[in-house]
């Protein structure tokens, strides 16, 4: 029988508690390396903004997302700042726990990918296997995890953490854990890195590989919205869920467009290029459109309102046209 482990805490100050799980985790990993970057800047440096519409026959609820795919944010940030991203994955629950304990005992904060549904403090009523937390310590068989707002610092039992990390499902990984280390010469020029992140996001948005992504994906989902009361198995459940995912589930509001606007404002300050501030202001207005769309989808689900779906569809077409122009401008500014 295992003996009691001594408490390990790697927090020297209150952890950062942000909007989005993966970028919040990255803020805390970098803080330990004495690099203070805002969550929005991290999101933008990684070229985090995107758009995706996805639905398969097995999905009762369509997925409408506003960021690049899971894990890519961490990988892109590491490339942008020349960081060493060390990733550990294993199908063995035992080896995953041993690795986590070894990293914590060496004094390293660890990013974990998991399904929060299984954590004993969770009140989630849905499964999502691409959630991220920063593990900042343990006390015997309880682990300290940094969540996004409003949860903040939470404690999870070792058993529930094992189950959450080993969960299978769309976008899941095999007990993925990761750490960051700085390059020997320090991080590169932030202005140049920001321009590269903007250019990558703009190119991908304007030239999507399939019609489900980028501005084309926006027009596609806008065309489909008016039929959702008929096409969805349970519109009363699905439409409010889509609203939550777009507005409240770690997006920072407006389908990540508010975070992107904040990043562009920081880029304007860092580079001294005022045009980035102009696009930032425009993206704040776009963000409001997406917030309005989310509200209309919720209203459509609650009241079975076709009018709300038609209004949402019109707004999404408008947002798609506006974002296409804004991304073209960002591409010009950053090339």
C-alpha atoms as a PDB file:
ATOM      1  CA  UNK A   1       0.000   0.000   0.000  1.00  0.00           C
ATOM      2  CA  UNK A   2       1.345   3.431  -0.956  1.00  0.00           C
ATOM      3  CA  UNK A   3       2.384   5.673   1.894  1.00  0.00           C
ATOM      4  CA  UNK A   4       1.216   9.233   2.233  1.00  0.00           C
ATOM      5  CA  UNK A   5       3.048  11.647  -0.063  1.00  0.00           C
ATOM      6  CA  UNK A   6       4.274  14.953   1.280  1.00  0.00           C
ATOM      7  CA  UNK A   7       2.522  18.089   0.077  1.00  0.00           C
ATOM      8  CA  UNK A   8       4.066  19.879  -2.915  1.00  0.00           C
ATOM      9  CA  UNK A   9       2.954  23.375  -3.899  1.00  0.00           C
ATOM     10  CA  UNK A  10       4.523  25.214  -6.827  1.00  0.00           C
ATOM     11  CA  UNK A  11       2.560  28.432  -6.393  1.00  0.00           C
ATOM     12  CA  UNK A  12       4.483  31.483  -5.231  1.00  0.00           C
ATOM     13  CA  UNK A  13       1.528  33.761  -5.997  1.00  0.00           C
ATOM     14  CA  UNK A  14      -2.119  33.409  -6.915  1.00  0.00           C
ATOM     15  CA  UNK A  15      -2.461  31.548 -10.228  1.00  0.00           C
ATOM     16  CA  UNK A  16      -3.731  33.306 -13.299  1.00  0.00           C
ATOM     17  CA  UNK A  17      -7.413  32.521 -13.852  1.00  0.00           C
ATOM     18  CA  UNK A  18      -8.477  33.457 -17.376  1.00  0.00           C
ATOM     19  CA  UNK A  19     -11.105  32.950 -20.057  1.00  0.00           C
ATOM     20  CA  UNK A  20      -9.924  30.051 -22.182  1.00  0.00           C
ATOM     21  CA  UNK A  21      -8.531  26.814 -20.797  1.00  0.00           C
ATOM     22  CA  UNK A  22      -5.509  26.222 -23.055  1.00  0.00           C
ATOM     23  CA  UNK A  23      -4.328  29.848 -23.067  1.00  0.00           C
ATOM     24  CA  UNK A  24      -4.883  30.121 -19.287  1.00  0.00           C
ATOM     25  CA  UNK A  25      -2.731  27.030 -18.822  1.00  0.00           C
ATOM     26  CA  UNK A  26      -0.005  28.514 -21.019  1.00  0.00           C
ATOM     27  CA  UNK A  27      -0.022  31.783 -19.030  1.00  0.00           C
ATOM     28  CA  UNK A  28       0.646  29.825 -15.834  1.00  0.00           C
ATOM     29  CA  UNK A  29       3.370  27.668 -17.390  1.00  0.00           C
ATOM     30  CA  UNK A  30       5.147  30.801 -18.667  1.00  0.00           C
ATOM     31  CA  UNK A  31       4.745  32.639 -15.361  1.00  0.00           C
ATOM     32  CA  UNK A  32       6.799  29.939 -13.687  1.00  0.00           C
ATOM     33  CA  UNK A  33       9.543  30.757 -16.211  1.00  0.00           C
ATOM     34  CA  UNK A  34       9.216  34.447 -15.230  1.00  0.00           C
ATOM     35  CA  UNK A  35       7.633  35.413 -18.541  1.00  0.00           C
ATOM     36  CA  UNK A  36       4.581  37.629 -18.044  1.00  0.00           C
ATOM     37  CA  UNK A  37       2.386  37.712 -21.125  1.00  0.00           C
ATOM     38  CA  UNK A  38      -1.343  38.411 -21.234  1.00  0.00           C
ATOM     39  CA  UNK A  39      -3.726  35.632 -22.159  1.00  0.00           C
ATOM     40  CA  UNK A  40      -4.881  37.567 -25.221  1.00  0.00           C
ATOM     41  CA  UNK A  41      -1.302  38.060 -26.401  1.00  0.00           C
ATOM     42  CA  UNK A  42      -0.602  34.344 -26.018  1.00  0.00           C
ATOM     43  CA  UNK A  43      -3.779  33.530 -27.941  1.00  0.00           C
ATOM     44  CA  UNK A  44      -2.782  35.861 -30.772  1.00  0.00           C
ATOM     45  CA  UNK A  45       0.901  34.915 -30.940  1.00  0.00           C
ATOM     46  CA  UNK A  46      -0.314  31.373 -31.541  1.00  0.00           C
ATOM     47  CA  UNK A  47      -2.626  32.542 -34.337  1.00  0.00           C
ATOM     48  CA  UNK A  48      -5.494  31.286 -32.249  1.00  0.00           C
ATOM     49  CA  UNK A  49      -8.477  32.785 -34.064  1.00  0.00           C
ATOM     50  CA  UNK A  50     -10.381  30.643 -36.537  1.00  0.00           C
ATOM     51  CA  UNK A  51     -13.846  29.414 -37.379  1.00  0.00           C
ATOM     52  CA  UNK A  52     -15.168  25.881 -37.679  1.00  0.00           C
ATOM     53  CA  UNK A  53     -18.569  24.361 -38.260  1.00  0.00           C
ATOM     54  CA  UNK A  54     -18.707  20.619 -37.730  1.00  0.00           C
ATOM     55  CA  UNK A  55     -21.449  18.035 -37.645  1.00  0.00           C
ATOM     56  CA  UNK A  56     -21.530  14.290 -38.209  1.00  0.00           C
ATOM     57  CA  UNK A  57     -24.409  11.804 -38.057  1.00  0.00           C
ATOM     58  CA  UNK A  58     -23.258  10.832 -34.563  1.00  0.00           C
ATOM     59  CA  UNK A  59     -23.478  14.436 -33.319  1.00  0.00           C
ATOM     60  CA  UNK A  60     -26.928  15.493 -32.070  1.00  0.00           C
ATOM     61  CA  UNK A  61     -25.653  19.059 -31.738  1.00  0.00           C
ATOM     62  CA  UNK A  62     -23.525  20.847 -34.385  1.00  0.00           C
ATOM     63  CA  UNK A  63     -20.229  22.297 -33.199  1.00  0.00           C
ATOM     64  CA  UNK A  64     -19.589  25.979 -33.893  1.00  0.00           C
ATOM     65  CA  UNK A  65     -16.086  26.991 -32.828  1.00  0.00           C
ATOM     66  CA  UNK A  66     -13.942  30.098 -33.064  1.00  0.00           C
ATOM     67  CA  UNK A  67     -10.389  28.921 -32.419  1.00  0.00           C
ATOM     68  CA  UNK A  68      -7.791  26.639 -33.963  1.00  0.00           C
ATOM     69  CA  UNK A  69      -7.913  22.970 -33.027  1.00  0.00           C
ATOM     70  CA  UNK A  70      -6.849  21.729 -29.564  1.00  0.00           C
ATOM     71  CA  UNK A  71      -3.100  21.264 -28.882  1.00  0.00           C
ATOM     72  CA  UNK A  72      -2.251  23.524 -31.827  1.00  0.00           C
ATOM     73  CA  UNK A  73      -2.370  26.642 -29.652  1.00  0.00           C
ATOM     74  CA  UNK A  74       0.419  25.252 -27.447  1.00  0.00           C
ATOM     75  CA  UNK A  75       2.435  24.058 -30.426  1.00  0.00           C
ATOM     76  CA  UNK A  76       2.094  27.362 -32.298  1.00  0.00           C
ATOM     77  CA  UNK A  77       3.054  29.395 -29.236  1.00  0.00           C
ATOM     78  CA  UNK A  78       6.152  27.264 -28.724  1.00  0.00           C
ATOM     79  CA  UNK A  79       7.140  27.826 -32.365  1.00  0.00           C
ATOM     80  CA  UNK A  80       6.436  31.565 -32.155  1.00  0.00           C
ATOM     81  CA  UNK A  81       8.560  32.114 -29.033  1.00  0.00           C
ATOM     82  CA  UNK A  82      11.174  29.372 -29.681  1.00  0.00           C
ATOM     83  CA  UNK A  83      10.062  27.561 -26.515  1.00  0.00           C
ATOM     84  CA  UNK A  84      10.792  23.917 -25.827  1.00  0.00           C
ATOM     85  CA  UNK A  85       7.421  22.190 -25.593  1.00  0.00           C
ATOM     86  CA  UNK A  86       7.821  18.783 -23.952  1.00  0.00           C
ATOM     87  CA  UNK A  87       4.790  16.542 -24.467  1.00  0.00           C
ATOM     88  CA  UNK A  88       4.215  13.243 -22.688  1.00  0.00           C
ATOM     89  CA  UNK A  89       1.455  10.862 -23.769  1.00  0.00           C
ATOM     90  CA  UNK A  90       0.841   7.277 -22.723  1.00  0.00           C
ATOM     91  CA  UNK A  91      -1.989   4.756 -22.731  1.00  0.00           C
ATOM     92  CA  UNK A  92      -0.917   3.688 -19.225  1.00  0.00           C
ATOM     93  CA  UNK A  93      -2.721   5.450 -16.365  1.00  0.00           C
ATOM     94  CA  UNK A  94       0.062   4.333 -14.009  1.00  0.00           C
ATOM     95  CA  UNK A  95       2.863   5.785 -16.148  1.00  0.00           C
ATOM     96  CA  UNK A  96       0.885   9.002 -16.658  1.00  0.00           C
ATOM     97  CA  UNK A  97       0.609   9.501 -12.903  1.00  0.00           C
ATOM     98  CA  UNK A  98       4.267   8.635 -12.319  1.00  0.00           C
ATOM     99  CA  UNK A  99       5.301  11.198 -14.929  1.00  0.00           C
ATOM    100  CA  UNK A 100       3.083  13.886 -13.409  1.00  0.00           C
ATOM    101  CA  UNK A 101       4.430  13.272  -9.906  1.00  0.00           C
ATOM    102  CA  UNK A 102       8.034  13.314 -11.127  1.00  0.00           C
ATOM    103  CA  UNK A 103       7.530  16.666 -12.873  1.00  0.00           C
ATOM    104  CA  UNK A 104       5.802  18.213  -9.849  1.00  0.00           C
ATOM    105  CA  UNK A 105       8.467  16.935  -7.478  1.00  0.00           C
ATOM    106  CA  UNK A 106      11.136  18.445  -9.729  1.00  0.00           C
ATOM    107  CA  UNK A 107       9.392  21.800  -9.316  1.00  0.00           C
ATOM    108  CA  UNK A 108       7.701  22.030 -12.723  1.00  0.00           C
ATOM    109  CA  UNK A 109       4.107  23.121 -13.305  1.00  0.00           C
ATOM    110  CA  UNK A 110       2.428  20.739 -15.759  1.00  0.00           C
ATOM    111  CA  UNK A 111      -0.282  21.336 -18.335  1.00  0.00           C
ATOM    112  CA  UNK A 112      -2.840  18.538 -18.514  1.00  0.00           C
ATOM    113  CA  UNK A 113      -5.452  17.725 -21.144  1.00  0.00           C
ATOM    114  CA  UNK A 114      -8.559  15.990 -19.827  1.00  0.00           C
ATOM    115  CA  UNK A 115     -12.331  15.726 -19.678  1.00  0.00           C
ATOM    116  CA  UNK A 116     -13.496  17.883 -16.758  1.00  0.00           C
ATOM    117  CA  UNK A 117     -16.796  15.976 -16.607  1.00  0.00           C
ATOM    118  CA  UNK A 118     -15.039  13.264 -14.567  1.00  0.00           C
ATOM    119  CA  UNK A 119     -13.341  15.523 -12.005  1.00  0.00           C
ATOM    120  CA  UNK A 120     -14.994  15.323  -8.608  1.00  0.00           C
ATOM    121  CA  UNK A 121     -15.509  19.096  -8.366  1.00  0.00           C
ATOM    122  CA  UNK A 122     -17.129  19.320 -11.810  1.00  0.00           C
ATOM    123  CA  UNK A 123     -20.767  20.241 -12.373  1.00  0.00           C
ATOM    124  CA  UNK A 124     -20.525  19.808 -16.173  1.00  0.00           C
ATOM    125  CA  UNK A 125     -23.412  17.932 -17.744  1.00  0.00           C
ATOM    126  CA  UNK A 126     -21.596  17.320 -21.041  1.00  0.00           C
ATOM    127  CA  UNK A 127     -18.458  15.499 -22.140  1.00  0.00           C
ATOM    128  CA  UNK A 128     -15.509  17.370 -23.670  1.00  0.00           C
ATOM    129  CA  UNK A 129     -12.154  15.608 -23.815  1.00  0.00           C
ATOM    130  CA  UNK A 130     -10.076  18.628 -24.920  1.00  0.00           C
ATOM    131  CA  UNK A 131     -10.125  20.699 -21.731  1.00  0.00           C
ATOM    132  CA  UNK A 132      -6.870  21.974 -20.220  1.00  0.00           C
ATOM    133  CA  UNK A 133      -5.697  22.754 -16.689  1.00  0.00           C
ATOM    134  CA  UNK A 134      -2.370  23.621 -15.072  1.00  0.00           C
ATOM    135  CA  UNK A 135      -1.412  21.218 -12.274  1.00  0.00           C
ATOM    136  CA  UNK A 136       0.413  23.273  -9.648  1.00  0.00           C
ATOM    137  CA  UNK A 137       0.850  20.832  -6.769  1.00  0.00           C
ATOM    138  CA  UNK A 138      -0.514  17.945  -4.760  1.00  0.00           C
ATOM    139  CA  UNK A 139      -1.261  16.925  -1.197  1.00  0.00           C
ATOM    140  CA  UNK A 140      -1.148  13.170  -0.747  1.00  0.00           C
ATOM    141  CA  UNK A 141      -3.592  11.964  -3.430  1.00  0.00           C
ATOM    142  CA  UNK A 142      -5.282  15.291  -4.149  1.00  0.00           C
ATOM    143  CA  UNK A 143      -4.075  17.494  -6.985  1.00  0.00           C
ATOM    144  CA  UNK A 144      -4.250  21.282  -7.303  1.00  0.00           C
ATOM    145  CA  UNK A 145      -5.558  22.352 -10.721  1.00  0.00           C
ATOM    146  CA  UNK A 146      -5.938  25.854 -12.167  1.00  0.00           C
ATOM    147  CA  UNK A 147      -9.233  26.259 -13.998  1.00  0.00           C
ATOM    148  CA  UNK A 148     -10.702  29.192 -15.911  1.00  0.00           C
ATOM    149  CA  UNK A 149     -13.225  31.651 -14.503  1.00  0.00           C
ATOM    150  CA  UNK A 150     -15.185  31.287 -12.309  1.00  0.00           C
ATOM    151  CA  UNK A 151     -13.656  28.084 -10.908  1.00  0.00           C
ATOM    152  CA  UNK A 152     -10.065  29.186 -10.340  1.00  0.00           C
ATOM    153  CA  UNK A 153      -7.887  26.932  -8.159  1.00  0.00           C
ATOM    154  CA  UNK A 154      -9.541  23.564  -7.475  1.00  0.00           C
ATOM    155  CA  UNK A 155      -8.566  20.292  -5.832  1.00  0.00           C
ATOM    156  CA  UNK A 156      -9.289  16.946  -7.499  1.00  0.00           C
ATOM    157  CA  UNK A 157      -8.854  13.450  -6.131  1.00  0.00           C
ATOM    158  CA  UNK A 158      -6.194  11.311  -7.775  1.00  0.00           C
ATOM    159  CA  UNK A 159      -8.824   8.803  -8.871  1.00  0.00           C
ATOM    160  CA  UNK A 160     -11.012  11.365 -10.604  1.00  0.00           C
ATOM    161  CA  UNK A 161      -7.975  12.966 -12.246  1.00  0.00           C
ATOM    162  CA  UNK A 162      -6.866   9.601 -13.625  1.00  0.00           C
ATOM    163  CA  UNK A 163     -10.324   9.002 -15.119  1.00  0.00           C
ATOM    164  CA  UNK A 164     -10.514  12.508 -16.579  1.00  0.00           C
ATOM    165  CA  UNK A 165      -7.069  12.307 -18.169  1.00  0.00           C
ATOM    166  CA  UNK A 166      -7.724   8.867 -19.649  1.00  0.00           C
ATOM    167  CA  UNK A 167     -11.148   9.770 -21.109  1.00  0.00           C
ATOM    168  CA  UNK A 168     -11.756   9.014 -24.752  1.00  0.00           C
ATOM    169  CA  UNK A 169     -13.831  11.001 -27.190  1.00  0.00           C
ATOM    170  CA  UNK A 170     -13.539  13.592 -29.982  1.00  0.00           C
ATOM    171  CA  UNK A 171     -10.279  15.615 -29.734  1.00  0.00           C
ATOM    172  CA  UNK A 172      -8.996  13.464 -26.833  1.00  0.00           C
ATOM    173  CA  UNK A 173      -5.366  12.458 -26.274  1.00  0.00           C
ATOM    174  CA  UNK A 174      -3.678   9.665 -24.367  1.00  0.00           C
ATOM    175  CA  UNK A 175      -3.117  11.208 -20.935  1.00  0.00           C
ATOM    176  CA  UNK A 176      -1.438  14.245 -22.521  1.00  0.00           C
ATOM    177  CA  UNK A 177       0.825  16.295 -20.254  1.00  0.00           C
ATOM    178  CA  UNK A 178       3.130  19.112 -21.323  1.00  0.00           C
ATOM    179  CA  UNK A 179       5.694  21.576 -19.984  1.00  0.00           C
ATOM    180  CA  UNK A 180       7.464  24.648 -21.364  1.00  0.00           C
ATOM    181  CA  UNK A 181      11.102  25.719 -21.169  1.00  0.00           C
ATOM    182  CA  UNK A 182      12.636  28.965 -22.414  1.00  0.00           C
ATOM    183  CA  UNK A 183      15.224  29.176 -25.198  1.00  0.00           C
ATOM    184  CA  UNK A 184      18.777  29.951 -24.078  1.00  0.00           C
ATOM    185  CA  UNK A 185      18.810  33.359 -25.695  1.00  0.00           C
ATOM    186  CA  UNK A 186      15.435  34.400 -24.315  1.00  0.00           C
ATOM    187  CA  UNK A 187      12.198  34.852 -26.222  1.00  0.00           C
ATOM    188  CA  UNK A 188      12.356  36.570 -29.629  1.00  0.00           C
ATOM    189  CA  UNK A 189      10.998  39.989 -30.555  1.00  0.00           C
ATOM    190  CA  UNK A 190       7.302  40.061 -29.666  1.00  0.00           C
ATOM    191  CA  UNK A 191       6.381  42.462 -32.457  1.00  0.00           C
ATOM    192  CA  UNK A 192       7.748  40.172 -35.147  1.00  0.00           C
ATOM    193  CA  UNK A 193       6.157  37.150 -33.486  1.00  0.00           C
ATOM    194  CA  UNK A 194       2.781  38.913 -33.305  1.00  0.00           C
ATOM    195  CA  UNK A 195       2.908  39.789 -37.017  1.00  0.00           C
ATOM    196  CA  UNK A 196       3.652  36.144 -37.856  1.00  0.00           C
ATOM    197  CA  UNK A 197       0.754  34.942 -35.716  1.00  0.00           C
ATOM    198  CA  UNK A 198      -1.601  37.391 -37.400  1.00  0.00           C
ATOM    199  CA  UNK A 199      -0.398  36.430 -40.871  1.00  0.00           C
ATOM    200  CA  UNK A 200      -0.870  32.709 -40.195  1.00  0.00           C
ATOM    201  CA  UNK A 201      -4.393  33.201 -38.792  1.00  0.00           C
ATOM    202  CA  UNK A 202      -5.378  35.449 -41.692  1.00  0.00           C
ATOM    203  CA  UNK A 203      -4.030  33.094 -44.377  1.00  0.00           C
ATOM    204  CA  UNK A 204      -5.832  30.112 -42.881  1.00  0.00           C
ATOM    205  CA  UNK A 205      -9.089  32.049 -42.447  1.00  0.00           C
ATOM    206  CA  UNK A 206      -9.046  33.347 -46.009  1.00  0.00           C
ATOM    207  CA  UNK A 207      -7.922  30.058 -47.610  1.00  0.00           C
ATOM    208  CA  UNK A 208      -9.747  27.301 -45.701  1.00  0.00           C
ATOM    209  CA  UNK A 209      -8.963  23.703 -46.716  1.00  0.00           C
ATOM    210  CA  UNK A 210     -12.683  22.848 -46.806  1.00  0.00           C
ATOM    211  CA  UNK A 211     -15.887  24.873 -46.752  1.00  0.00           C
ATOM    212  CA  UNK A 212     -16.495  24.185 -43.037  1.00  0.00           C
ATOM    213  CA  UNK A 213     -13.653  26.512 -42.004  1.00  0.00           C
ATOM    214  CA  UNK A 214     -12.907  30.219 -42.137  1.00  0.00           C
ATOM    215  CA  UNK A 215     -15.259  32.721 -43.743  1.00  0.00           C
ATOM    216  CA  UNK A 216     -16.650  29.968 -45.979  1.00  0.00           C
ATOM    217  CA  UNK A 217     -17.658  27.993 -42.892  1.00  0.00           C
ATOM    218  CA  UNK A 218     -19.479  31.050 -41.547  1.00  0.00           C
ATOM    219  CA  UNK A 219     -21.540  31.378 -44.707  1.00  0.00           C
ATOM    220  CA  UNK A 220     -22.217  27.635 -44.649  1.00  0.00           C
ATOM    221  CA  UNK A 221     -23.536  27.616 -41.097  1.00  0.00           C
ATOM    222  CA  UNK A 222     -25.552  30.779 -41.789  1.00  0.00           C
ATOM    223  CA  UNK A 223     -27.272  28.959 -44.668  1.00  0.00           C
ATOM    224  CA  UNK A 224     -28.079  25.994 -42.403  1.00  0.00           C
ATOM    225  CA  UNK A 225     -29.351  27.901 -39.359  1.00  0.00           C
ATOM    226  CA  UNK A 226     -32.897  28.624 -40.599  1.00  0.00           C
ATOM    227  CA  UNK A 227     -33.576  24.851 -40.826  1.00  0.00           C
ATOM    228  CA  UNK A 228     -32.277  23.927 -37.371  1.00  0.00           C
ATOM    229  CA  UNK A 229     -35.715  23.699 -35.728  1.00  0.00           C
ATOM    230  CA  UNK A 230     -36.483  20.910 -38.207  1.00  0.00           C
ATOM    231  CA  UNK A 231     -33.039  19.317 -38.598  1.00  0.00           C
ATOM    232  CA  UNK A 232     -31.912  18.996 -34.964  1.00  0.00           C
ATOM    233  CA  UNK A 233     -33.077  16.070 -32.842  1.00  0.00           C
ATOM    234  CA  UNK A 234     -33.838  18.336 -29.895  1.00  0.00           C
ATOM    235  CA  UNK A 235     -33.616  22.055 -30.758  1.00  0.00           C
ATOM    236  CA  UNK A 236     -34.669  22.987 -27.206  1.00  0.00           C
ATOM    237  CA  UNK A 237     -31.484  21.332 -25.924  1.00  0.00           C
ATOM    238  CA  UNK A 238     -29.097  21.835 -28.825  1.00  0.00           C
ATOM    239  CA  UNK A 239     -29.609  25.534 -29.558  1.00  0.00           C
ATOM    240  CA  UNK A 240     -28.938  26.741 -25.976  1.00  0.00           C
ATOM    241  CA  UNK A 241     -25.900  24.413 -25.930  1.00  0.00           C
ATOM    242  CA  UNK A 242     -24.535  26.009 -29.105  1.00  0.00           C
ATOM    243  CA  UNK A 243     -25.119  29.415 -27.497  1.00  0.00           C
ATOM    244  CA  UNK A 244     -23.151  28.383 -24.409  1.00  0.00           C
ATOM    245  CA  UNK A 245     -20.247  27.029 -26.459  1.00  0.00           C
ATOM    246  CA  UNK A 246     -20.069  30.231 -28.514  1.00  0.00           C
ATOM    247  CA  UNK A 247     -20.373  32.739 -25.703  1.00  0.00           C
ATOM    248  CA  UNK A 248     -19.573  31.258 -22.297  1.00  0.00           C
ATOM    249  CA  UNK A 249     -17.464  28.124 -22.717  1.00  0.00           C
ATOM    250  CA  UNK A 250     -14.066  29.765 -22.417  1.00  0.00           C
ATOM    251  CA  UNK A 251     -14.307  31.987 -25.482  1.00  0.00           C
ATOM    252  CA  UNK A 252     -13.964  35.289 -23.643  1.00  0.00           C
ATOM    253  CA  UNK A 253     -17.228  36.354 -25.310  1.00  0.00           C
ATOM    254  CA  UNK A 254     -18.102  36.808 -28.964  1.00  0.00           C
ATOM    255  CA  UNK A 255     -16.663  33.482 -30.133  1.00  0.00           C
ATOM    256  CA  UNK A 256     -13.062  34.457 -29.187  1.00  0.00           C
ATOM    257  CA  UNK A 257     -13.359  37.723 -31.144  1.00  0.00           C
ATOM    258  CA  UNK A 258     -12.992  39.839 -27.985  1.00  0.00           C
ATOM    259  CA  UNK A 259      -9.705  38.114 -27.120  1.00  0.00           C
ATOM    260  CA  UNK A 260      -8.495  38.644 -30.693  1.00  0.00           C
ATOM    261  CA  UNK A 261      -9.392  42.351 -30.508  1.00  0.00           C
ATOM    262  CA  UNK A 262      -7.423  42.665 -27.266  1.00  0.00           C
ATOM    263  CA  UNK A 263      -4.443  40.951 -28.889  1.00  0.00           C
ATOM    264  CA  UNK A 264      -4.539  43.335 -31.851  1.00  0.00           C
ATOM    265  CA  UNK A 265      -4.619  46.317 -29.481  1.00  0.00           C
ATOM    266  CA  UNK A 266      -1.526  44.967 -27.705  1.00  0.00           C
ATOM    267  CA  UNK A 267       0.141  44.406 -31.078  1.00  0.00           C
ATOM    268  CA  UNK A 268      -0.534  48.049 -31.965  1.00  0.00           C
ATOM    269  CA  UNK A 269       1.260  49.113 -28.759  1.00  0.00           C
ATOM    270  CA  UNK A 270       4.167  46.700 -29.237  1.00  0.00           C
ATOM    271  CA  UNK A 271       4.769  47.529 -32.897  1.00  0.00           C
ATOM    272  CA  UNK A 272       3.708  51.167 -32.928  1.00  0.00           C
ATOM    273  CA  UNK A 273       1.444  50.386 -35.890  1.00  0.00           C
ATOM    274  CA  UNK A 274      -1.804  52.263 -35.379  1.00  0.00           C
ATOM    275  CA  UNK A 275      -3.658  50.329 -38.075  1.00  0.00           C
ATOM    276  CA  UNK A 276      -3.745  47.303 -35.782  1.00  0.00           C
ATOM    277  CA  UNK A 277      -5.725  49.383 -33.294  1.00  0.00           C
ATOM    278  CA  UNK A 278      -8.217  50.254 -36.015  1.00  0.00           C
ATOM    279  CA  UNK A 279      -8.761  46.575 -36.829  1.00  0.00           C
ATOM    280  CA  UNK A 280      -8.974  45.841 -33.105  1.00  0.00           C
ATOM    281  CA  UNK A 281     -11.820  48.334 -32.771  1.00  0.00           C
ATOM    282  CA  UNK A 282     -13.566  46.744 -35.750  1.00  0.00           C
ATOM    283  CA  UNK A 283     -13.207  43.281 -34.246  1.00  0.00           C
ATOM    284  CA  UNK A 284     -14.834  44.475 -31.028  1.00  0.00           C
ATOM    285  CA  UNK A 285     -17.884  45.307 -33.108  1.00  0.00           C
ATOM    286  CA  UNK A 286     -17.730  41.894 -34.797  1.00  0.00           C
ATOM    287  CA  UNK A 287     -17.557  40.310 -31.352  1.00  0.00           C
ATOM    288  CA  UNK A 288     -20.814  42.027 -30.418  1.00  0.00           C
ATOM    289  CA  UNK A 289     -22.446  40.499 -33.498  1.00  0.00           C
ATOM    290  CA  UNK A 290     -21.413  37.004 -32.404  1.00  0.00           C
ATOM    291  CA  UNK A 291     -22.721  37.641 -28.900  1.00  0.00           C
ATOM    292  CA  UNK A 292     -26.017  38.684 -30.446  1.00  0.00           C
ATOM    293  CA  UNK A 293     -26.042  35.547 -32.612  1.00  0.00           C
ATOM    294  CA  UNK A 294     -25.533  33.366 -29.533  1.00  0.00           C
ATOM    295  CA  UNK A 295     -28.452  35.078 -27.793  1.00  0.00           C
ATOM    296  CA  UNK A 296     -30.703  34.577 -30.802  1.00  0.00           C
ATOM    297  CA  UNK A 297     -29.846  30.862 -30.944  1.00  0.00           C
ATOM    298  CA  UNK A 298     -30.712  30.492 -27.277  1.00  0.00           C
ATOM    299  CA  UNK A 299     -33.977  32.352 -27.876  1.00  0.00           C
ATOM    300  CA  UNK A 300     -34.772  30.089 -30.824  1.00  0.00           C
ATOM    301  CA  UNK A 301     -34.297  27.013 -28.667  1.00  0.00           C
ATOM    302  CA  UNK A 302     -36.331  28.284 -25.733  1.00  0.00           C
ATOM    303  CA  UNK A 303     -39.204  29.712 -27.776  1.00  0.00           C
ATOM    304  CA  UNK A 304     -39.002  27.544 -30.936  1.00  0.00           C
ATOM    305  CA  UNK A 305     -38.574  30.803 -32.833  1.00  0.00           C
ATOM    306  CA  UNK A 306     -37.891  30.562 -36.568  1.00  0.00           C
ATOM    307  CA  UNK A 307     -37.641  34.332 -36.712  1.00  0.00           C
ATOM    308  CA  UNK A 308     -34.705  34.231 -34.278  1.00  0.00           C
ATOM    309  CA  UNK A 309     -32.902  31.699 -36.473  1.00  0.00           C
ATOM    310  CA  UNK A 310     -33.414  33.835 -39.578  1.00  0.00           C
ATOM    311  CA  UNK A 311     -32.075  36.878 -37.702  1.00  0.00           C
ATOM    312  CA  UNK A 312     -29.064  34.886 -36.519  1.00  0.00           C
ATOM    313  CA  UNK A 313     -28.414  33.673 -40.060  1.00  0.00           C
ATOM    314  CA  UNK A 314     -28.422  37.216 -41.408  1.00  0.00           C
ATOM    315  CA  UNK A 315     -25.974  38.382 -38.729  1.00  0.00           C
ATOM    316  CA  UNK A 316     -23.587  35.493 -39.412  1.00  0.00           C
ATOM    317  CA  UNK A 317     -23.518  36.306 -43.130  1.00  0.00           C
ATOM    318  CA  UNK A 318     -22.728  39.922 -42.201  1.00  0.00           C
ATOM    319  CA  UNK A 319     -19.997  38.830 -39.777  1.00  0.00           C
ATOM    320  CA  UNK A 320     -18.467  36.563 -42.430  1.00  0.00           C
ATOM    321  CA  UNK A 321     -18.249  39.398 -44.946  1.00  0.00           C
ATOM    322  CA  UNK A 322     -16.828  41.774 -42.358  1.00  0.00           C
ATOM    323  CA  UNK A 323     -14.235  39.327 -41.057  1.00  0.00           C
ATOM    324  CA  UNK A 324     -13.139  38.457 -44.576  1.00  0.00           C
ATOM    325  CA  UNK A 325     -12.333  42.135 -45.179  1.00  0.00           C
ATOM    326  CA  UNK A 326     -10.651  42.531 -41.789  1.00  0.00           C
ATOM    327  CA  UNK A 327      -8.479  39.470 -42.294  1.00  0.00           C
ATOM    328  CA  UNK A 328      -7.464  40.719 -45.734  1.00  0.00           C
ATOM    329  CA  UNK A 329      -6.397  43.983 -44.106  1.00  0.00           C
ATOM    330  CA  UNK A 330      -4.482  42.122 -41.386  1.00  0.00           C
ATOM    331  CA  UNK A 331      -2.713  40.068 -44.030  1.00  0.00           C
ATOM    332  CA  UNK A 332      -1.612  43.254 -45.791  1.00  0.00           C
ATOM    333  CA  UNK A 333      -0.383  44.780 -42.516  1.00  0.00           C
ATOM    334  CA  UNK A 334       1.544  41.680 -41.471  1.00  0.00           C
ATOM    335  CA  UNK A 335       3.153  40.575 -44.736  1.00  0.00           C
END
